[in-house]
N, C-alpha and C. Protein backbone atom coordinates (compact mmCIF):
# COMPACT_ATOMS: atom_id res chain seq x y z
N MET A 1 0.85 -1.15 0.00
CA MET A 1 0.00 0.00 0.00
C MET A 1 0.90 1.23 0.00
N ARG A 2 0.57 2.19 -0.80
CA ARG A 2 1.38 3.41 -0.88
C ARG A 2 1.11 4.30 0.34
N GLN A 3 2.07 5.14 0.65
CA GLN A 3 1.99 5.95 1.87
C GLN A 3 0.96 7.06 1.80
N ASP A 4 0.49 7.43 0.62
CA ASP A 4 -0.52 8.48 0.51
C ASP A 4 -1.94 7.91 0.45
N ALA A 5 -2.10 6.65 0.77
CA ALA A 5 -3.42 6.01 0.76
C ALA A 5 -4.24 6.48 1.96
N THR A 6 -5.53 6.37 1.81
CA THR A 6 -6.43 6.71 2.92
C THR A 6 -6.69 5.47 3.77
N LEU A 7 -7.23 5.71 4.94
CA LEU A 7 -7.61 4.61 5.81
C LEU A 7 -8.62 3.71 5.12
N SER A 8 -9.56 4.29 4.41
CA SER A 8 -10.56 3.49 3.68
C SER A 8 -9.90 2.55 2.69
N GLU A 9 -8.91 3.03 1.96
CA GLU A 9 -8.20 2.18 1.00
C GLU A 9 -7.45 1.06 1.72
N ALA A 10 -6.87 1.38 2.86
CA ALA A 10 -6.15 0.36 3.63
C ALA A 10 -7.10 -0.73 4.11
N LEU A 11 -8.29 -0.34 4.55
CA LEU A 11 -9.25 -1.32 5.03
C LEU A 11 -9.70 -2.26 3.91
N VAL A 12 -9.88 -1.72 2.72
CA VAL A 12 -10.25 -2.55 1.57
C VAL A 12 -9.14 -3.56 1.29
N GLU A 13 -7.90 -3.10 1.30
CA GLU A 13 -6.77 -4.01 1.04
C GLU A 13 -6.64 -5.06 2.13
N MET A 14 -6.79 -4.67 3.39
CA MET A 14 -6.71 -5.63 4.49
C MET A 14 -7.79 -6.69 4.35
N SER A 15 -8.98 -6.29 3.99
CA SER A 15 -10.08 -7.25 3.82
C SER A 15 -9.82 -8.18 2.64
N ARG A 16 -9.29 -7.63 1.56
CA ARG A 16 -9.03 -8.43 0.36
C ARG A 16 -7.95 -9.48 0.62
N LYS A 17 -6.90 -9.10 1.32
CA LYS A 17 -5.78 -10.02 1.55
C LYS A 17 -5.98 -10.94 2.75
N ARG A 18 -6.89 -10.56 3.65
CA ARG A 18 -7.25 -11.38 4.80
C ARG A 18 -6.06 -11.72 5.70
N LEU A 19 -5.17 -10.75 5.91
CA LEU A 19 -4.00 -10.95 6.77
C LEU A 19 -4.11 -10.21 8.09
N GLY A 20 -5.05 -9.28 8.20
CA GLY A 20 -5.16 -8.49 9.41
C GLY A 20 -4.12 -7.39 9.49
N MET A 21 -3.48 -7.12 8.35
CA MET A 21 -2.47 -6.06 8.31
C MET A 21 -2.20 -5.71 6.86
N THR A 22 -1.61 -4.54 6.67
CA THR A 22 -1.15 -4.14 5.35
C THR A 22 0.16 -3.37 5.51
N ALA A 23 1.10 -3.68 4.63
CA ALA A 23 2.39 -2.99 4.62
C ALA A 23 2.22 -1.63 3.94
N VAL A 24 2.92 -0.64 4.44
CA VAL A 24 2.93 0.68 3.81
C VAL A 24 4.35 0.88 3.28
N VAL A 25 4.44 1.18 1.98
CA VAL A 25 5.75 1.26 1.33
C VAL A 25 5.93 2.60 0.63
N ASP A 26 7.19 2.94 0.41
CA ASP A 26 7.49 4.17 -0.34
C ASP A 26 7.50 3.85 -1.84
N ALA A 27 7.90 4.81 -2.65
CA ALA A 27 7.88 4.65 -4.11
C ALA A 27 8.80 3.53 -4.59
N ASP A 28 9.82 3.18 -3.80
CA ASP A 28 10.75 2.11 -4.15
C ASP A 28 10.37 0.77 -3.52
N GLN A 29 9.17 0.70 -2.97
CA GLN A 29 8.65 -0.51 -2.31
C GLN A 29 9.36 -0.85 -1.01
N ARG A 30 10.08 0.12 -0.44
CA ARG A 30 10.71 -0.10 0.86
C ARG A 30 9.68 0.10 1.95
N LEU A 31 9.71 -0.78 2.92
CA LEU A 31 8.75 -0.74 4.02
C LEU A 31 8.97 0.50 4.87
N ILE A 32 7.90 1.27 5.08
CA ILE A 32 8.00 2.44 5.96
C ILE A 32 7.02 2.36 7.12
N GLY A 33 6.10 1.38 7.06
CA GLY A 33 5.16 1.25 8.14
C GLY A 33 4.25 0.05 7.96
N LEU A 34 3.44 -0.16 8.96
CA LEU A 34 2.50 -1.27 8.96
C LEU A 34 1.22 -0.81 9.63
N PHE A 35 0.09 -1.21 9.07
CA PHE A 35 -1.20 -0.91 9.67
C PHE A 35 -1.89 -2.23 9.94
N THR A 36 -2.28 -2.46 11.19
CA THR A 36 -2.84 -3.73 11.62
C THR A 36 -4.27 -3.56 12.14
N ASP A 37 -4.90 -4.69 12.40
CA ASP A 37 -6.21 -4.67 13.04
C ASP A 37 -6.15 -3.93 14.38
N GLY A 38 -5.07 -4.13 15.11
CA GLY A 38 -4.90 -3.43 16.39
C GLY A 38 -4.80 -1.93 16.20
N ASP A 39 -4.08 -1.49 15.17
CA ASP A 39 -4.00 -0.06 14.87
C ASP A 39 -5.39 0.48 14.54
N LEU A 40 -6.18 -0.31 13.82
CA LEU A 40 -7.54 0.11 13.48
C LEU A 40 -8.38 0.30 14.73
N ARG A 41 -8.31 -0.64 15.66
CA ARG A 41 -9.09 -0.50 16.90
C ARG A 41 -8.68 0.75 17.67
N ARG A 42 -7.38 1.00 17.75
CA ARG A 42 -6.90 2.21 18.45
C ARG A 42 -7.35 3.47 17.71
N THR A 43 -7.35 3.42 16.38
CA THR A 43 -7.77 4.55 15.57
C THR A 43 -9.25 4.86 15.80
N LEU A 44 -10.07 3.84 15.87
CA LEU A 44 -11.51 4.05 16.03
C LEU A 44 -11.86 4.60 17.40
N ASP A 45 -10.95 4.47 18.37
CA ASP A 45 -11.17 5.06 19.69
C ASP A 45 -11.08 6.58 19.67
N ASP A 46 -10.47 7.13 18.60
CA ASP A 46 -10.30 8.58 18.48
C ASP A 46 -11.55 9.18 17.81
N ALA A 47 -12.44 9.71 18.60
CA ALA A 47 -13.72 10.22 18.09
C ALA A 47 -13.55 11.42 17.15
N SER A 48 -12.42 12.11 17.22
CA SER A 48 -12.22 13.29 16.38
C SER A 48 -11.73 12.93 14.97
N LEU A 49 -11.42 11.69 14.73
CA LEU A 49 -10.85 11.26 13.46
C LEU A 49 -11.95 10.97 12.44
N ASP A 50 -11.79 11.47 11.22
CA ASP A 50 -12.72 11.16 10.13
C ASP A 50 -12.12 9.99 9.36
N VAL A 51 -12.69 8.81 9.51
CA VAL A 51 -12.13 7.60 8.90
C VAL A 51 -12.17 7.63 7.37
N ARG A 52 -13.00 8.48 6.80
CA ARG A 52 -13.07 8.56 5.33
C ARG A 52 -11.92 9.32 4.74
N THR A 53 -11.34 10.25 5.49
CA THR A 53 -10.27 11.09 4.93
C THR A 53 -8.92 10.91 5.62
N ALA A 54 -8.87 10.15 6.69
CA ALA A 54 -7.61 9.95 7.42
C ALA A 54 -6.58 9.26 6.52
N MET A 55 -5.36 9.72 6.59
CA MET A 55 -4.28 9.16 5.79
C MET A 55 -3.58 8.04 6.57
N ILE A 56 -3.29 6.96 5.87
CA ILE A 56 -2.68 5.80 6.51
C ILE A 56 -1.30 6.14 7.08
N SER A 57 -0.60 7.07 6.45
CA SER A 57 0.73 7.45 6.94
C SER A 57 0.67 8.10 8.32
N GLU A 58 -0.49 8.66 8.69
CA GLU A 58 -0.65 9.27 10.01
C GLU A 58 -1.02 8.24 11.08
N LEU A 59 -1.48 7.08 10.65
CA LEU A 59 -2.03 6.09 11.57
C LEU A 59 -1.17 4.82 11.71
N MET A 60 -0.29 4.59 10.78
CA MET A 60 0.48 3.35 10.74
C MET A 60 1.50 3.28 11.87
N THR A 61 1.94 2.08 12.12
CA THR A 61 3.05 1.84 13.04
C THR A 61 4.34 2.01 12.24
N ARG A 62 5.14 2.96 12.66
CA ARG A 62 6.42 3.17 11.97
C ARG A 62 7.45 2.21 12.55
N GLN A 63 8.37 1.78 11.72
CA GLN A 63 9.43 0.84 12.10
C GLN A 63 8.87 -0.43 12.73
N PRO A 64 7.99 -1.12 12.00
CA PRO A 64 7.41 -2.35 12.55
C PRO A 64 8.44 -3.48 12.60
N ARG A 65 8.12 -4.50 13.36
CA ARG A 65 8.95 -5.70 13.40
C ARG A 65 8.90 -6.36 12.03
N THR A 66 10.04 -6.81 11.57
CA THR A 66 10.13 -7.48 10.28
C THR A 66 10.99 -8.73 10.42
N ILE A 67 11.01 -9.51 9.36
CA ILE A 67 11.89 -10.66 9.29
C ILE A 67 12.52 -10.69 7.90
N ALA A 68 13.78 -11.07 7.85
CA ALA A 68 14.49 -11.15 6.56
C ALA A 68 14.00 -12.38 5.79
N ALA A 69 14.04 -12.26 4.48
CA ALA A 69 13.56 -13.33 3.61
C ALA A 69 14.34 -14.63 3.80
N ASP A 70 15.56 -14.56 4.25
CA ASP A 70 16.37 -15.77 4.40
C ASP A 70 16.32 -16.37 5.81
N GLN A 71 15.51 -15.80 6.71
CA GLN A 71 15.41 -16.34 8.06
C GLN A 71 14.41 -17.50 8.10
N LEU A 72 14.59 -18.38 9.06
CA LEU A 72 13.74 -19.55 9.22
C LEU A 72 12.39 -19.21 9.83
N ALA A 73 11.41 -20.03 9.52
CA ALA A 73 10.06 -19.83 10.06
C ALA A 73 10.05 -19.90 11.58
N VAL A 74 10.90 -20.73 12.16
CA VAL A 74 10.95 -20.84 13.62
C VAL A 74 11.40 -19.51 14.24
N GLU A 75 12.24 -18.76 13.53
CA GLU A 75 12.65 -17.44 14.01
C GLU A 75 11.47 -16.47 13.94
N ALA A 76 10.64 -16.58 12.92
CA ALA A 76 9.44 -15.76 12.83
C ALA A 76 8.52 -16.04 14.01
N ALA A 77 8.36 -17.31 14.35
CA ALA A 77 7.52 -17.68 15.49
C ALA A 77 8.07 -17.11 16.78
N ARG A 78 9.39 -17.15 16.95
CA ARG A 78 10.02 -16.60 18.16
C ARG A 78 9.79 -15.10 18.25
N LEU A 79 9.94 -14.38 17.13
CA LEU A 79 9.72 -12.94 17.12
C LEU A 79 8.27 -12.60 17.47
N MET A 80 7.33 -13.36 16.91
CA MET A 80 5.92 -13.10 17.20
C MET A 80 5.62 -13.33 18.67
N GLU A 81 6.17 -14.39 19.23
CA GLU A 81 5.93 -14.68 20.64
C GLU A 81 6.58 -13.64 21.54
N THR A 82 7.83 -13.31 21.25
CA THR A 82 8.57 -12.34 22.07
C THR A 82 7.89 -10.98 22.10
N HIS A 83 7.42 -10.54 20.94
CA HIS A 83 6.86 -9.19 20.83
C HIS A 83 5.33 -9.17 20.87
N GLN A 84 4.74 -10.32 21.11
CA GLN A 84 3.28 -10.47 21.21
C GLN A 84 2.57 -9.84 20.02
N ILE A 85 3.00 -10.27 18.83
CA ILE A 85 2.38 -9.83 17.58
C ILE A 85 1.95 -11.07 16.80
N SER A 86 1.05 -10.88 15.87
CA SER A 86 0.55 -12.03 15.12
C SER A 86 0.96 -12.03 13.66
N GLY A 87 1.77 -11.06 13.26
CA GLY A 87 2.20 -11.01 11.87
C GLY A 87 3.51 -10.26 11.70
N LEU A 88 4.20 -10.59 10.62
CA LEU A 88 5.47 -9.94 10.28
C LEU A 88 5.51 -9.68 8.79
N ILE A 89 6.13 -8.59 8.40
CA ILE A 89 6.41 -8.33 7.00
C ILE A 89 7.79 -8.91 6.70
N VAL A 90 7.90 -9.60 5.58
CA VAL A 90 9.17 -10.16 5.13
C VAL A 90 9.83 -9.12 4.23
N VAL A 91 11.10 -8.81 4.53
CA VAL A 91 11.82 -7.80 3.75
C VAL A 91 13.09 -8.40 3.17
N ASP A 92 13.52 -7.84 2.04
CA ASP A 92 14.80 -8.27 1.47
C ASP A 92 15.92 -7.43 2.06
N GLU A 93 17.12 -7.61 1.57
CA GLU A 93 18.28 -6.93 2.14
C GLU A 93 18.27 -5.42 1.96
N THR A 94 17.42 -4.91 1.07
CA THR A 94 17.32 -3.46 0.86
C THR A 94 16.14 -2.84 1.61
N GLY A 95 15.40 -3.66 2.35
CA GLY A 95 14.25 -3.16 3.10
C GLY A 95 12.96 -3.16 2.31
N ARG A 96 12.97 -3.78 1.13
CA ARG A 96 11.75 -3.87 0.33
C ARG A 96 10.85 -4.97 0.87
N ALA A 97 9.58 -4.68 0.94
CA ALA A 97 8.61 -5.68 1.38
C ALA A 97 8.45 -6.72 0.28
N VAL A 98 8.70 -7.99 0.64
CA VAL A 98 8.60 -9.06 -0.35
C VAL A 98 7.55 -10.11 0.04
N GLY A 99 6.94 -9.96 1.21
CA GLY A 99 5.93 -10.91 1.64
C GLY A 99 5.44 -10.61 3.04
N ALA A 100 4.58 -11.48 3.51
CA ALA A 100 4.03 -11.33 4.86
C ALA A 100 3.79 -12.71 5.45
N LEU A 101 3.93 -12.80 6.75
CA LEU A 101 3.65 -14.03 7.49
C LEU A 101 2.72 -13.68 8.63
N ASN A 102 1.79 -14.56 8.91
CA ASN A 102 1.02 -14.39 10.14
C ASN A 102 1.04 -15.71 10.90
N ILE A 103 0.57 -15.67 12.10
CA ILE A 103 0.63 -16.84 12.97
C ILE A 103 -0.09 -18.03 12.35
N HIS A 104 -1.14 -17.78 11.58
CA HIS A 104 -1.90 -18.87 10.95
C HIS A 104 -1.05 -19.60 9.91
N ASP A 105 -0.18 -18.86 9.21
CA ASP A 105 0.75 -19.49 8.27
C ASP A 105 1.65 -20.48 9.00
N LEU A 106 2.16 -20.05 10.16
CA LEU A 106 3.07 -20.90 10.94
C LEU A 106 2.34 -22.10 11.54
N LEU A 107 1.10 -21.91 11.93
CA LEU A 107 0.30 -23.03 12.44
C LEU A 107 0.03 -24.06 11.34
N ARG A 108 -0.34 -23.57 10.15
CA ARG A 108 -0.60 -24.49 9.04
C ARG A 108 0.64 -25.28 8.66
N ALA A 109 1.80 -24.63 8.75
CA ALA A 109 3.06 -25.30 8.42
C ALA A 109 3.59 -26.14 9.57
N ARG A 110 2.87 -26.12 10.69
CA ARG A 110 3.23 -26.88 11.89
C ARG A 110 4.59 -26.46 12.47
N VAL A 111 4.87 -25.16 12.32
CA VAL A 111 6.07 -24.59 12.92
C VAL A 111 5.84 -24.35 14.39
N VAL A 112 4.60 -24.00 14.74
CA VAL A 112 4.24 -23.77 16.15
C VAL A 112 3.11 -24.71 16.53
């Protein structure tokens, strides 16, 4: 998702991908943030926010936890457990988002 997207656009993408999160990237596809279901719940607590016009760059988690593409799935599980999160963005050596993992992926693969 591009950084100039609205919250509404992010919600459509999150629903379409069914991951409970969406990566926010710059023009070079480098990860600059993450917007999750948890971020959405915190956002909706702010009564002064207009969800139709709010920009995702104002609401996203900056510097989210990530995992390198060459790391093992067991390391992803450890990171999720340690930081009490349910998903990670997979990045390459330049910081470009190349994929996503969530706890359900690890359960299906019998990693956890």
